[in-house]
Amino acid sequence: MPAPHLTLKEMCAKFDVTPRTLRHYEYIELLFPERRGRSRIYGPREIARMTLILRGRHFGFSLEEIRQWLELYDADPENRVQMEAWIELADRQLAELESRKAQIQDAIDDLRKLRDHTADSHDRKP
């Protein structure tokens, strides 16, 4: 069975992104679609890269961090360097997300206290 090849429109539908997003990822060298005239064709490698890009964005990584990580993959077929870089990057991002989570929880707690205090004050007024 031949490997899948997708057009720009099919890639947009598959990954729920705009053509502008795909062209931007190509411009910043995250994706390298094959060109057939004016058309872009995305093969299995680009489909896999797009999956990783979107996963990285979901986890809060910058496009530059994702680009650097993907470059390591191209340079190291055994993936050893990429895996080590990924672990380091993931550890840093986990620490950042945990910090944000704590800040958000503090804000929720403060807002809830203020809301409850205001509601109590409002209920006591005639």
PDB file of N, CA and C in Angstrom:
ATOM      1  N   MET A   1       0.853  -1.180   0.000  1.00  0.00           N
ATOM      2  CA  MET A   1       0.000   0.000   0.000  1.00  0.00           C
ATOM      3  C   MET A   1       0.895   1.238   0.000  1.00  0.00           C
ATOM      4  N   PRO A   2       0.674   2.160  -0.935  1.00  0.00           N
ATOM      5  CA  PRO A   2       1.537   3.340  -1.009  1.00  0.00           C
ATOM      6  C   PRO A   2       1.326   4.274   0.179  1.00  0.00           C
ATOM      7  N   ALA A   3       2.388   4.991   0.511  1.00  0.00           N
ATOM      8  CA  ALA A   3       2.313   5.949   1.615  1.00  0.00           C
ATOM      9  C   ALA A   3       1.386   7.095   1.229  1.00  0.00           C
ATOM     10  N   PRO A   4       0.698   7.678   2.191  1.00  0.00           N
ATOM     11  CA  PRO A   4      -0.248   8.751   1.878  1.00  0.00           C
ATOM     12  C   PRO A   4       0.469  10.031   1.444  1.00  0.00           C
ATOM     13  N   HIS A   5      -0.134  10.716   0.508  1.00  0.00           N
ATOM     14  CA  HIS A   5       0.312  12.025   0.067  1.00  0.00           C
ATOM     15  C   HIS A   5      -0.912  12.929   0.068  1.00  0.00           C
ATOM     16  N   LEU A   6      -0.794  14.075   0.711  1.00  0.00           N
ATOM     17  CA  LEU A   6      -1.933  14.966   0.856  1.00  0.00           C
ATOM     18  C   LEU A   6      -1.674  16.303   0.179  1.00  0.00           C
ATOM     19  N   THR A   7      -2.730  16.883  -0.351  1.00  0.00           N
ATOM     20  CA  THR A   7      -2.656  18.230  -0.894  1.00  0.00           C
ATOM     21  C   THR A   7      -2.734  19.224   0.261  1.00  0.00           C
ATOM     22  N   LEU A   8      -2.524  20.482  -0.042  1.00  0.00           N
ATOM     23  CA  LEU A   8      -2.642  21.528   0.970  1.00  0.00           C
ATOM     24  C   LEU A   8      -4.028  21.499   1.608  1.00  0.00           C
ATOM     25  N   LYS A   9      -5.041  21.395   0.780  1.00  0.00           N
ATOM     26  CA  LYS A   9      -6.417  21.371   1.290  1.00  0.00           C
ATOM     27  C   LYS A   9      -6.644  20.161   2.198  1.00  0.00           C
ATOM     28  N   GLU A  10      -6.131  18.996   1.805  1.00  0.00           N
ATOM     29  CA  GLU A  10      -6.293  17.789   2.619  1.00  0.00           C
ATOM     30  C   GLU A  10      -5.531  17.896   3.939  1.00  0.00           C
ATOM     31  N   MET A  11      -4.343  18.508   3.900  1.00  0.00           N
ATOM     32  CA  MET A  11      -3.582  18.715   5.143  1.00  0.00           C
ATOM     33  C   MET A  11      -4.351  19.636   6.083  1.00  0.00           C
ATOM     34  N   CYS A  12      -4.922  20.702   5.519  1.00  0.00           N
ATOM     35  CA  CYS A  12      -5.709  21.627   6.344  1.00  0.00           C
ATOM     36  C   CYS A  12      -6.864  20.900   7.021  1.00  0.00           C
ATOM     37  N   ALA A  13      -7.552  20.058   6.264  1.00  0.00           N
ATOM     38  CA  ALA A  13      -8.687  19.319   6.817  1.00  0.00           C
ATOM     39  C   ALA A  13      -8.222  18.301   7.862  1.00  0.00           C
ATOM     40  N   LYS A  14      -7.154  17.589   7.560  1.00  0.00           N
ATOM     41  CA  LYS A  14      -6.664  16.551   8.476  1.00  0.00           C
ATOM     42  C   LYS A  14      -6.241  17.128   9.821  1.00  0.00           C
ATOM     43  N   PHE A  15      -5.580  18.287   9.785  1.00  0.00           N
ATOM     44  CA  PHE A  15      -5.021  18.856  11.014  1.00  0.00           C
ATOM     45  C   PHE A  15      -5.799  20.064  11.539  1.00  0.00           C
ATOM     46  N   ASP A  16      -6.894  20.407  10.874  1.00  0.00           N
ATOM     47  CA  ASP A  16      -7.727  21.529  11.286  1.00  0.00           C
ATOM     48  C   ASP A  16      -6.907  22.815  11.436  1.00  0.00           C
ATOM     49  N   VAL A  17      -6.151  23.128  10.383  1.00  0.00           N
ATOM     50  CA  VAL A  17      -5.361  24.351  10.329  1.00  0.00           C
ATOM     51  C   VAL A  17      -5.690  25.084   9.031  1.00  0.00           C
ATOM     52  N   THR A  18      -5.253  26.323   8.948  1.00  0.00           N
ATOM     53  CA  THR A  18      -5.493  27.116   7.747  1.00  0.00           C
ATOM     54  C   THR A  18      -4.335  26.950   6.766  1.00  0.00           C
ATOM     55  N   PRO A  19      -4.578  27.239   5.497  1.00  0.00           N
ATOM     56  CA  PRO A  19      -3.478  27.236   4.531  1.00  0.00           C
ATOM     57  C   PRO A  19      -2.357  28.188   4.945  1.00  0.00           C
ATOM     58  N   ARG A  20      -2.744  29.302   5.530  1.00  0.00           N
ATOM     59  CA  ARG A  20      -1.742  30.273   5.988  1.00  0.00           C
ATOM     60  C   ARG A  20      -0.809  29.646   7.021  1.00  0.00           C
ATOM     61  N   THR A  21      -1.369  28.842   7.922  1.00  0.00           N
ATOM     62  CA  THR A  21      -0.541  28.164   8.937  1.00  0.00           C
ATOM     63  C   THR A  21       0.459  27.235   8.269  1.00  0.00           C
ATOM     64  N   LEU A  22       0.004  26.434   7.321  1.00  0.00           N
ATOM     65  CA  LEU A  22       0.910  25.510   6.634  1.00  0.00           C
ATOM     66  C   LEU A  22       1.995  26.260   5.865  1.00  0.00           C
ATOM     67  N   ARG A  23       1.612  27.328   5.197  1.00  0.00           N
ATOM     68  CA  ARG A  23       2.613  28.119   4.460  1.00  0.00           C
ATOM     69  C   ARG A  23       3.612  28.759   5.418  1.00  0.00           C
ATOM     70  N   HIS A  24       3.131  29.199   6.581  1.00  0.00           N
ATOM     71  CA  HIS A  24       4.034  29.777   7.588  1.00  0.00           C
ATOM     72  C   HIS A  24       5.015  28.719   8.094  1.00  0.00           C
ATOM     73  N   TYR A  25       4.518  27.532   8.385  1.00  0.00           N
ATOM     74  CA  TYR A  25       5.401  26.456   8.843  1.00  0.00           C
ATOM     75  C   TYR A  25       6.433  26.109   7.777  1.00  0.00           C
ATOM     76  N   GLU A  26       6.038  26.205   6.530  1.00  0.00           N
ATOM     77  CA  GLU A  26       6.995  25.983   5.448  1.00  0.00           C
ATOM     78  C   GLU A  26       8.024  27.121   5.416  1.00  0.00           C
ATOM     79  N   TYR A  27       7.559  28.345   5.560  1.00  0.00           N
ATOM     80  CA  TYR A  27       8.437  29.516   5.523  1.00  0.00           C
ATOM     81  C   TYR A  27       9.494  29.464   6.628  1.00  0.00           C
ATOM     82  N   ILE A  28       9.115  29.018   7.821  1.00  0.00           N
ATOM     83  CA  ILE A  28      10.074  28.960   8.934  1.00  0.00           C
ATOM     84  C   ILE A  28      10.774  27.605   9.011  1.00  0.00           C
ATOM     85  N   GLU A  29      10.628  26.831   7.961  1.00  0.00           N
ATOM     86  CA  GLU A  29      11.349  25.566   7.775  1.00  0.00           C
ATOM     87  C   GLU A  29      11.002  24.492   8.801  1.00  0.00           C
ATOM     88  N   LEU A  30       9.726  24.405   9.102  1.00  0.00           N
ATOM     89  CA  LEU A  30       9.229  23.279   9.890  1.00  0.00           C
ATOM     90  C   LEU A  30       8.727  22.185   8.966  1.00  0.00           C
ATOM     91  N   LEU A  31       8.189  22.579   7.825  1.00  0.00           N
ATOM     92  CA  LEU A  31       7.673  21.634   6.835  1.00  0.00           C
ATOM     93  C   LEU A  31       8.353  21.884   5.490  1.00  0.00           C
ATOM     94  N   PHE A  32       8.500  20.807   4.721  1.00  0.00           N
ATOM     95  CA  PHE A  32       9.135  20.883   3.412  1.00  0.00           C
ATOM     96  C   PHE A  32       8.318  20.086   2.396  1.00  0.00           C
ATOM     97  N   PRO A  33       7.142  20.614   2.017  1.00  0.00           N
ATOM     98  CA  PRO A  33       6.312  19.861   1.072  1.00  0.00           C
ATOM     99  C   PRO A  33       6.963  19.801  -0.306  1.00  0.00           C
ATOM    100  N   GLU A  34       6.613  18.757  -1.008  1.00  0.00           N
ATOM    101  CA  GLU A  34       7.056  18.622  -2.395  1.00  0.00           C
ATOM    102  C   GLU A  34       6.252  19.613  -3.229  1.00  0.00           C
ATOM    103  N   ARG A  35       6.903  20.201  -4.225  1.00  0.00           N
ATOM    104  CA  ARG A  35       6.211  21.147  -5.104  1.00  0.00           C
ATOM    105  C   ARG A  35       5.963  20.490  -6.444  1.00  0.00           C
ATOM    106  N   ARG A  36       4.739  20.568  -6.882  1.00  0.00           N
ATOM    107  CA  ARG A  36       4.352  20.124  -8.229  1.00  0.00           C
ATOM    108  C   ARG A  36       3.657  21.295  -8.885  1.00  0.00           C
ATOM    109  N   GLY A  37       4.444  22.058  -9.650  1.00  0.00           N
ATOM    110  CA  GLY A  37       3.913  23.300 -10.194  1.00  0.00           C
ATOM    111  C   GLY A  37       3.660  24.253  -9.044  1.00  0.00           C
ATOM    112  N   ARG A  38       2.438  24.735  -8.948  1.00  0.00           N
ATOM    113  CA  ARG A  38       2.073  25.634  -7.849  1.00  0.00           C
ATOM    114  C   ARG A  38       1.494  24.877  -6.649  1.00  0.00           C
ATOM    115  N   SER A  39       1.331  23.570  -6.800  1.00  0.00           N
ATOM    116  CA  SER A  39       0.733  22.766  -5.734  1.00  0.00           C
ATOM    117  C   SER A  39       1.787  22.283  -4.741  1.00  0.00           C
ATOM    118  N   ARG A  40       1.335  22.118  -3.513  1.00  0.00           N
ATOM    119  CA  ARG A  40       2.170  21.535  -2.461  1.00  0.00           C
ATOM    120  C   ARG A  40       1.629  20.140  -2.181  1.00  0.00           C
ATOM    121  N   ILE A  41       2.538  19.174  -2.089  1.00  0.00           N
ATOM    122  CA  ILE A  41       2.163  17.801  -1.770  1.00  0.00           C
ATOM    123  C   ILE A  41       2.908  17.401  -0.497  1.00  0.00           C
ATOM    124  N   TYR A  42       2.150  16.927   0.465  1.00  0.00           N
ATOM    125  CA  TYR A  42       2.705  16.546   1.767  1.00  0.00           C
ATOM    126  C   TYR A  42       2.748  15.030   1.861  1.00  0.00           C
ATOM    127  N   GLY A  43       3.963  14.492   1.996  1.00  0.00           N
ATOM    128  CA  GLY A  43       4.147  13.057   2.108  1.00  0.00           C
ATOM    129  C   GLY A  43       4.142  12.605   3.555  1.00  0.00           C
ATOM    130  N   PRO A  44       4.442  11.334   3.776  1.00  0.00           N
ATOM    131  CA  PRO A  44       4.418  10.776   5.133  1.00  0.00           C
ATOM    132  C   PRO A  44       5.324  11.524   6.119  1.00  0.00           C
ATOM    133  N   ARG A  45       6.493  11.959   5.646  1.00  0.00           N
ATOM    134  CA  ARG A  45       7.424  12.669   6.532  1.00  0.00           C
ATOM    135  C   ARG A  45       6.800  13.980   7.011  1.00  0.00           C
ATOM    136  N   GLU A  46       6.178  14.717   6.107  1.00  0.00           N
ATOM    137  CA  GLU A  46       5.580  15.998   6.469  1.00  0.00           C
ATOM    138  C   GLU A  46       4.349  15.807   7.343  1.00  0.00           C
ATOM    139  N   ILE A  47       3.619  14.743   7.090  1.00  0.00           N
ATOM    140  CA  ILE A  47       2.446  14.438   7.924  1.00  0.00           C
ATOM    141  C   ILE A  47       2.904  14.133   9.355  1.00  0.00           C
ATOM    142  N   ALA A  48       3.971  13.350   9.491  1.00  0.00           N
ATOM    143  CA  ALA A  48       4.512  13.038  10.819  1.00  0.00           C
ATOM    144  C   ALA A  48       5.037  14.304  11.498  1.00  0.00           C
ATOM    145  N   ARG A  49       5.738  15.143  10.731  1.00  0.00           N
ATOM    146  CA  ARG A  49       6.267  16.385  11.294  1.00  0.00           C
ATOM    147  C   ARG A  49       5.124  17.286  11.770  1.00  0.00           C
ATOM    148  N   MET A  50       4.049  17.355  10.994  1.00  0.00           N
ATOM    149  CA  MET A  50       2.920  18.194  11.391  1.00  0.00           C
ATOM    150  C   MET A  50       2.288  17.673  12.676  1.00  0.00           C
ATOM    151  N   THR A  51       2.205  16.369  12.807  1.00  0.00           N
ATOM    152  CA  THR A  51       1.688  15.770  14.042  1.00  0.00           C
ATOM    153  C   THR A  51       2.538  16.209  15.232  1.00  0.00           C
ATOM    154  N   LEU A  52       3.855  16.155  15.071  1.00  0.00           N
ATOM    155  CA  LEU A  52       4.766  16.556  16.148  1.00  0.00           C
ATOM    156  C   LEU A  52       4.683  18.057  16.424  1.00  0.00           C
ATOM    157  N   ILE A  53       4.554  18.856  15.378  1.00  0.00           N
ATOM    158  CA  ILE A  53       4.437  20.308  15.548  1.00  0.00           C
ATOM    159  C   ILE A  53       3.207  20.637  16.382  1.00  0.00           C
ATOM    160  N   LEU A  54       2.082  20.060  16.021  1.00  0.00           N
ATOM    161  CA  LEU A  54       0.846  20.354  16.751  1.00  0.00           C
ATOM    162  C   LEU A  54       0.893  19.825  18.187  1.00  0.00           C
ATOM    163  N   ARG A  55       1.524  18.685  18.363  1.00  0.00           N
ATOM    164  CA  ARG A  55       1.686  18.157  19.722  1.00  0.00           C
ATOM    165  C   ARG A  55       2.554  19.110  20.548  1.00  0.00           C
ATOM    166  N   GLY A  56       3.638  19.577  19.944  1.00  0.00           N
ATOM    167  CA  GLY A  56       4.508  20.529  20.634  1.00  0.00           C
ATOM    168  C   GLY A  56       3.782  21.818  20.988  1.00  0.00           C
ATOM    169  N   ARG A  57       2.959  22.326  20.061  1.00  0.00           N
ATOM    170  CA  ARG A  57       2.195  23.546  20.332  1.00  0.00           C
ATOM    171  C   ARG A  57       1.197  23.304  21.470  1.00  0.00           C
ATOM    172  N   HIS A  58       0.581  22.129  21.472  1.00  0.00           N
ATOM    173  CA  HIS A  58      -0.368  21.784  22.534  1.00  0.00           C
ATOM    174  C   HIS A  58       0.304  21.830  23.907  1.00  0.00           C
ATOM    175  N   PHE A  59       1.561  21.399  23.957  1.00  0.00           N
ATOM    176  CA  PHE A  59       2.304  21.380  25.219  1.00  0.00           C
ATOM    177  C   PHE A  59       2.921  22.734  25.548  1.00  0.00           C
ATOM    178  N   GLY A  60       2.751  23.716  24.664  1.00  0.00           N
ATOM    179  CA  GLY A  60       3.224  25.064  24.961  1.00  0.00           C
ATOM    180  C   GLY A  60       4.620  25.386  24.476  1.00  0.00           C
ATOM    181  N   PHE A  61       5.205  24.532  23.650  1.00  0.00           N
ATOM    182  CA  PHE A  61       6.538  24.814  23.131  1.00  0.00           C
ATOM    183  C   PHE A  61       6.457  25.890  22.058  1.00  0.00           C
ATOM    184  N   SER A  62       7.512  26.687  21.967  1.00  0.00           N
ATOM    185  CA  SER A  62       7.569  27.703  20.913  1.00  0.00           C
ATOM    186  C   SER A  62       7.875  27.024  19.580  1.00  0.00           C
ATOM    187  N   LEU A  63       7.560  27.714  18.497  1.00  0.00           N
ATOM    188  CA  LEU A  63       7.869  27.161  17.176  1.00  0.00           C
ATOM    189  C   LEU A  63       9.374  26.992  17.002  1.00  0.00           C
ATOM    190  N   GLU A  64      10.152  27.883  17.574  1.00  0.00           N
ATOM    191  CA  GLU A  64      11.611  27.753  17.481  1.00  0.00           C
ATOM    192  C   GLU A  64      12.098  26.506  18.214  1.00  0.00           C
ATOM    193  N   GLU A  65      11.547  26.234  19.386  1.00  0.00           N
ATOM    194  CA  GLU A  65      11.926  25.015  20.117  1.00  0.00           C
ATOM    195  C   GLU A  65      11.552  23.778  19.309  1.00  0.00           C
ATOM    196  N   ILE A  66      10.392  23.806  18.692  1.00  0.00           N
ATOM    197  CA  ILE A  66       9.945  22.677  17.866  1.00  0.00           C
ATOM    198  C   ILE A  66      10.856  22.516  16.657  1.00  0.00           C
ATOM    199  N   ARG A  67      11.209  23.618  16.015  1.00  0.00           N
ATOM    200  CA  ARG A  67      12.082  23.563  14.845  1.00  0.00           C
ATOM    201  C   ARG A  67      13.431  22.951  15.207  1.00  0.00           C
ATOM    202  N   GLN A  68      14.005  23.391  16.325  1.00  0.00           N
ATOM    203  CA  GLN A  68      15.298  22.857  16.758  1.00  0.00           C
ATOM    204  C   GLN A  68      15.198  21.367  17.064  1.00  0.00           C
ATOM    205  N   TRP A  69      14.123  20.958  17.675  1.00  0.00           N
ATOM    206  CA  TRP A  69      13.940  19.552  18.011  1.00  0.00           C
ATOM    207  C   TRP A  69      13.813  18.712  16.739  1.00  0.00           C
ATOM    208  N   LEU A  70      13.065  19.206  15.760  1.00  0.00           N
ATOM    209  CA  LEU A  70      12.918  18.486  14.498  1.00  0.00           C
ATOM    210  C   LEU A  70      14.241  18.416  13.735  1.00  0.00           C
ATOM    211  N   GLU A  71      15.061  19.454  13.835  1.00  0.00           N
ATOM    212  CA  GLU A  71      16.384  19.426  13.192  1.00  0.00           C
ATOM    213  C   GLU A  71      17.253  18.320  13.777  1.00  0.00           C
ATOM    214  N   LEU A  72      17.145  18.115  15.077  1.00  0.00           N
ATOM    215  CA  LEU A  72      17.918  17.040  15.714  1.00  0.00           C
ATOM    216  C   LEU A  72      17.518  15.681  15.161  1.00  0.00           C
ATOM    217  N   TYR A  73      16.238  15.510  14.905  1.00  0.00           N
ATOM    218  CA  TYR A  73      15.740  14.261  14.356  1.00  0.00           C
ATOM    219  C   TYR A  73      16.371  13.988  12.994  1.00  0.00           C
ATOM    220  N   ASP A  74      16.449  15.025  12.167  1.00  0.00           N
ATOM    221  CA  ASP A  74      17.048  14.868  10.839  1.00  0.00           C
ATOM    222  C   ASP A  74      18.528  14.547  10.924  1.00  0.00           C
ATOM    223  N   ALA A  75      19.216  15.083  11.931  1.00  0.00           N
ATOM    224  CA  ALA A  75      20.662  14.907  12.052  1.00  0.00           C
ATOM    225  C   ALA A  75      21.048  13.591  12.714  1.00  0.00           C
ATOM    226  N   ASP A  76      20.141  12.963  13.428  1.00  0.00           N
ATOM    227  CA  ASP A  76      20.472  11.766  14.217  1.00  0.00           C
ATOM    228  C   ASP A  76      19.458  10.662  13.933  1.00  0.00           C
ATOM    229  N   PRO A  77      19.767   9.798  12.944  1.00  0.00           N
ATOM    230  CA  PRO A  77      18.804   8.756  12.586  1.00  0.00           C
ATOM    231  C   PRO A  77      18.477   7.786  13.721  1.00  0.00           C
ATOM    232  N   GLU A  78      19.372   7.632  14.674  1.00  0.00           N
ATOM    233  CA  GLU A  78      19.097   6.725  15.806  1.00  0.00           C
ATOM    234  C   GLU A  78      18.260   7.399  16.890  1.00  0.00           C
ATOM    235  N   ASN A  79      18.056   8.696  16.764  1.00  0.00           N
ATOM    236  CA  ASN A  79      17.199   9.470  17.664  1.00  0.00           C
ATOM    237  C   ASN A  79      17.747   9.660  19.076  1.00  0.00           C
ATOM    238  N   ARG A  80      18.964   9.253  19.354  1.00  0.00           N
ATOM    239  CA  ARG A  80      19.510   9.383  20.710  1.00  0.00           C
ATOM    240  C   ARG A  80      19.584  10.859  21.131  1.00  0.00           C
ATOM    241  N   VAL A  81      20.161  11.692  20.279  1.00  0.00           N
ATOM    242  CA  VAL A  81      20.294  13.112  20.612  1.00  0.00           C
ATOM    243  C   VAL A  81      18.919  13.756  20.728  1.00  0.00           C
ATOM    244  N   GLN A  82      18.036  13.389  19.824  1.00  0.00           N
ATOM    245  CA  GLN A  82      16.693  13.953  19.850  1.00  0.00           C
ATOM    246  C   GLN A  82      15.979  13.586  21.151  1.00  0.00           C
ATOM    247  N   MET A  83      16.106  12.337  21.569  1.00  0.00           N
ATOM    248  CA  MET A  83      15.434  11.905  22.800  1.00  0.00           C
ATOM    249  C   MET A  83      15.983  12.645  24.015  1.00  0.00           C
ATOM    250  N   GLU A  84      17.301  12.822  24.066  1.00  0.00           N
ATOM    251  CA  GLU A  84      17.903  13.546  25.189  1.00  0.00           C
ATOM    252  C   GLU A  84      17.443  15.002  25.189  1.00  0.00           C
ATOM    253  N   ALA A  85      17.422  15.617  24.004  1.00  0.00           N
ATOM    254  CA  ALA A  85      16.960  17.001  23.904  1.00  0.00           C
ATOM    255  C   ALA A  85      15.488  17.098  24.290  1.00  0.00           C
ATOM    256  N   TRP A  86      14.707  16.113  23.859  1.00  0.00           N
ATOM    257  CA  TRP A  86      13.283  16.114  24.181  1.00  0.00           C
ATOM    258  C   TRP A  86      13.060  16.024  25.684  1.00  0.00           C
ATOM    259  N   ILE A  87      13.792  15.168  26.353  1.00  0.00           N
ATOM    260  CA  ILE A  87      13.640  15.011  27.803  1.00  0.00           C
ATOM    261  C   ILE A  87      13.961  16.326  28.508  1.00  0.00           C
ATOM    262  N   GLU A  88      15.040  16.971  28.094  1.00  0.00           N
ATOM    263  CA  GLU A  88      15.424  18.248  28.696  1.00  0.00           C
ATOM    264  C   GLU A  88      14.360  19.315  28.436  1.00  0.00           C
ATOM    265  N   LEU A  89      13.893  19.382  27.218  1.00  0.00           N
ATOM    266  CA  LEU A  89      12.857  20.352  26.845  1.00  0.00           C
ATOM    267  C   LEU A  89      11.565  20.077  27.613  1.00  0.00           C
ATOM    268  N   ALA A  90      11.192  18.810  27.695  1.00  0.00           N
ATOM    269  CA  ALA A  90       9.966  18.432  28.411  1.00  0.00           C
ATOM    270  C   ALA A  90      10.080  18.771  29.895  1.00  0.00           C
ATOM    271  N   ASP A  91      11.227  18.521  30.492  1.00  0.00           N
ATOM    272  CA  ASP A  91      11.412  18.860  31.908  1.00  0.00           C
ATOM    273  C   ASP A  91      11.242  20.356  32.147  1.00  0.00           C
ATOM    274  N   ARG A  92      11.835  21.162  31.267  1.00  0.00           N
ATOM    275  CA  ARG A  92      11.694  22.613  31.403  1.00  0.00           C
ATOM    276  C   ARG A  92      10.242  23.048  31.236  1.00  0.00           C
ATOM    277  N   GLN A  93       9.563  22.473  30.240  1.00  0.00           N
ATOM    278  CA  GLN A  93       8.176  22.864  29.993  1.00  0.00           C
ATOM    279  C   GLN A  93       7.264  22.397  31.123  1.00  0.00           C
ATOM    280  N   LEU A  94       7.520  21.222  31.652  1.00  0.00           N
ATOM    281  CA  LEU A  94       6.724  20.752  32.788  1.00  0.00           C
ATOM    282  C   LEU A  94       6.865  21.691  33.982  1.00  0.00           C
ATOM    283  N   ALA A  95       8.085  22.148  34.245  1.00  0.00           N
ATOM    284  CA  ALA A  95       8.306  23.092  35.354  1.00  0.00           C
ATOM    285  C   ALA A  95       7.547  24.397  35.097  1.00  0.00           C
ATOM    286  N   GLU A  96       7.591  24.877  33.859  1.00  0.00           N
ATOM    287  CA  GLU A  96       6.880  26.111  33.498  1.00  0.00           C
ATOM    288  C   GLU A  96       5.364  25.933  33.663  1.00  0.00           C
ATOM    289  N   LEU A  97       4.832  24.817  33.182  1.00  0.00           N
ATOM    290  CA  LEU A  97       3.393  24.571  33.297  1.00  0.00           C
ATOM    291  C   LEU A  97       2.965  24.413  34.750  1.00  0.00           C
ATOM    292  N   GLU A  98       3.786  23.741  35.561  1.00  0.00           N
ATOM    293  CA  GLU A  98       3.469  23.593  36.988  1.00  0.00           C
ATOM    294  C   GLU A  98       3.451  24.950  37.678  1.00  0.00           C
ATOM    295  N   SER A  99       4.383  25.821  37.299  1.00  0.00           N
ATOM    296  CA  SER A  99       4.426  27.167  37.869  1.00  0.00           C
ATOM    297  C   SER A  99       3.170  27.947  37.487  1.00  0.00           C
ATOM    298  N   ARG A 100       2.789  27.879  36.220  1.00  0.00           N
ATOM    299  CA  ARG A 100       1.574  28.572  35.767  1.00  0.00           C
ATOM    300  C   ARG A 100       0.339  28.009  36.454  1.00  0.00           C
ATOM    301  N   LYS A 101       0.326  26.683  36.619  1.00  0.00           N
ATOM    302  CA  LYS A 101      -0.806  26.034  37.279  1.00  0.00           C
ATOM    303  C   LYS A 101      -0.954  26.564  38.710  1.00  0.00           C
ATOM    304  N   ALA A 102       0.155  26.699  39.414  1.00  0.00           N
ATOM    305  CA  ALA A 102       0.123  27.210  40.789  1.00  0.00           C
ATOM    306  C   ALA A 102      -0.363  28.657  40.810  1.00  0.00           C
ATOM    307  N   GLN A 103       0.099  29.458  39.852  1.00  0.00           N
ATOM    308  CA  GLN A 103      -0.336  30.852  39.781  1.00  0.00           C
ATOM    309  C   GLN A 103      -1.832  30.937  39.491  1.00  0.00           C
ATOM    310  N   ILE A 104      -2.303  30.101  38.602  1.00  0.00           N
ATOM    311  CA  ILE A 104      -3.735  30.089  38.275  1.00  0.00           C
ATOM    312  C   ILE A 104      -4.547  29.641  39.483  1.00  0.00           C
ATOM    313  N   GLN A 105      -4.072  28.618  40.197  1.00  0.00           N
ATOM    314  CA  GLN A 105      -4.795  28.156  41.377  1.00  0.00           C
ATOM    315  C   GLN A 105      -4.846  29.240  42.437  1.00  0.00           C
ATOM    316  N   ASP A 106      -3.750  29.983  42.612  1.00  0.00           N
ATOM    317  CA  ASP A 106      -3.749  31.100  43.561  1.00  0.00           C
ATOM    318  C   ASP A 106      -4.775  32.152  43.158  1.00  0.00           C
ATOM    319  N   ALA A 107      -4.827  32.482  41.884  1.00  0.00           N
ATOM    320  CA  ALA A 107      -5.788  33.479  41.401  1.00  0.00           C
ATOM    321  C   ALA A 107      -7.217  32.991  41.612  1.00  0.00           C
ATOM    322  N   ILE A 108      -7.467  31.712  41.346  1.00  0.00           N
ATOM    323  CA  ILE A 108      -8.805  31.138  41.560  1.00  0.00           C
ATOM    324  C   ILE A 108      -9.184  31.231  43.032  1.00  0.00           C
ATOM    325  N   ASP A 109      -8.251  30.850  43.900  1.00  0.00           N
ATOM    326  CA  ASP A 109      -8.526  30.897  45.342  1.00  0.00           C
ATOM    327  C   ASP A 109      -8.819  32.326  45.807  1.00  0.00           C
ATOM    328  N   ASP A 110      -8.001  33.280  45.356  1.00  0.00           N
ATOM    329  CA  ASP A 110      -8.209  34.681  45.740  1.00  0.00           C
ATOM    330  C   ASP A 110      -9.541  35.207  45.221  1.00  0.00           C
ATOM    331  N   LEU A 111      -9.846  34.907  43.977  1.00  0.00           N
ATOM    332  CA  LEU A 111     -11.106  35.371  43.387  1.00  0.00           C
ATOM    333  C   LEU A 111     -12.304  34.742  44.100  1.00  0.00           C
ATOM    334  N   ARG A 112     -12.200  33.471  44.419  1.00  0.00           N
ATOM    335  CA  ARG A 112     -13.298  32.792  45.121  1.00  0.00           C
ATOM    336  C   ARG A 112     -13.532  33.429  46.496  1.00  0.00           C
ATOM    337  N   LYS A 113     -12.447  33.725  47.228  1.00  0.00           N
ATOM    338  CA  LYS A 113     -12.580  34.360  48.545  1.00  0.00           C
ATOM    339  C   LYS A 113     -13.241  35.735  48.427  1.00  0.00           C
ATOM    340  N   LEU A 114     -12.783  36.518  47.452  1.00  0.00           N
ATOM    341  CA  LEU A 114     -13.355  37.849  47.261  1.00  0.00           C
ATOM    342  C   LEU A 114     -14.817  37.753  46.854  1.00  0.00           C
ATOM    343  N   ARG A 115     -15.127  36.824  45.970  1.00  0.00           N
ATOM    344  CA  ARG A 115     -16.509  36.624  45.536  1.00  0.00           C
ATOM    345  C   ARG A 115     -17.381  36.217  46.717  1.00  0.00           C
ATOM    346  N   ASP A 116     -16.913  35.255  47.527  1.00  0.00           N
ATOM    347  CA  ASP A 116     -17.685  34.787  48.678  1.00  0.00           C
ATOM    348  C   ASP A 116     -17.876  35.904  49.706  1.00  0.00           C
ATOM    349  N   HIS A 117     -16.821  36.673  49.943  1.00  0.00           N
ATOM    350  CA  HIS A 117     -16.908  37.792  50.885  1.00  0.00           C
ATOM    351  C   HIS A 117     -17.935  38.816  50.397  1.00  0.00           C
ATOM    352  N   THR A 118     -17.881  39.114  49.104  1.00  0.00           N
ATOM    353  CA  THR A 118     -18.830  40.080  48.528  1.00  0.00           C
ATOM    354  C   THR A 118     -20.255  39.535  48.603  1.00  0.00           C
ATOM    355  N   ALA A 119     -20.430  38.265  48.312  1.00  0.00           N
ATOM    356  CA  ALA A 119     -21.760  37.656  48.379  1.00  0.00           C
ATOM    357  C   ALA A 119     -22.289  37.672  49.806  1.00  0.00           C
ATOM    358  N   ASP A 120     -21.422  37.373  50.780  1.00  0.00           N
ATOM    359  CA  ASP A 120     -21.838  37.398  52.192  1.00  0.00           C
ATOM    360  C   ASP A 120     -22.255  38.814  52.593  1.00  0.00           C
ATOM    361  N   SER A 121     -21.467  39.801  52.195  1.00  0.00           N
ATOM    362  CA  SER A 121     -21.777  41.206  52.525  1.00  0.00           C
ATOM    363  C   SER A 121     -23.091  41.623  51.882  1.00  0.00           C
ATOM    364  N   HIS A 122     -23.299  41.213  50.669  1.00  0.00           N
ATOM    365  CA  HIS A 122     -24.523  41.565  49.936  1.00  0.00           C
ATOM    366  C   HIS A 122     -25.755  40.925  50.582  1.00  0.00           C
ATOM    367  N   ASP A 123     -25.611  39.658  51.025  1.00  0.00           N
ATOM    368  CA  ASP A 123     -26.732  38.935  51.640  1.00  0.00           C
ATOM    369  C   ASP A 123     -27.120  39.548  52.980  1.00  0.00           C
ATOM    370  N   ARG A 124     -26.188  40.160  53.693  1.00  0.00           N
ATOM    371  CA  ARG A 124     -26.473  40.712  55.027  1.00  0.00           C
ATOM    372  C   ARG A 124     -27.143  42.081  54.968  1.00  0.00           C
ATOM    373  N   LYS A 125     -27.113  42.725  53.809  1.00  0.00           N
ATOM    374  CA  LYS A 125     -27.705  44.059  53.707  1.00  0.00           C
ATOM    375  C   LYS A 125     -29.232  43.928  53.543  1.00  0.00           C
ATOM    376  N   PRO A 126     -29.951  44.834  54.228  1.00  0.00           N
ATOM    377  CA  PRO A 126     -31.423  44.768  54.146  1.00  0.00           C
ATOM    378  C   PRO A 126     -31.960  45.185  52.801  1.00  0.00           C
TER     379      PRO A 126
END
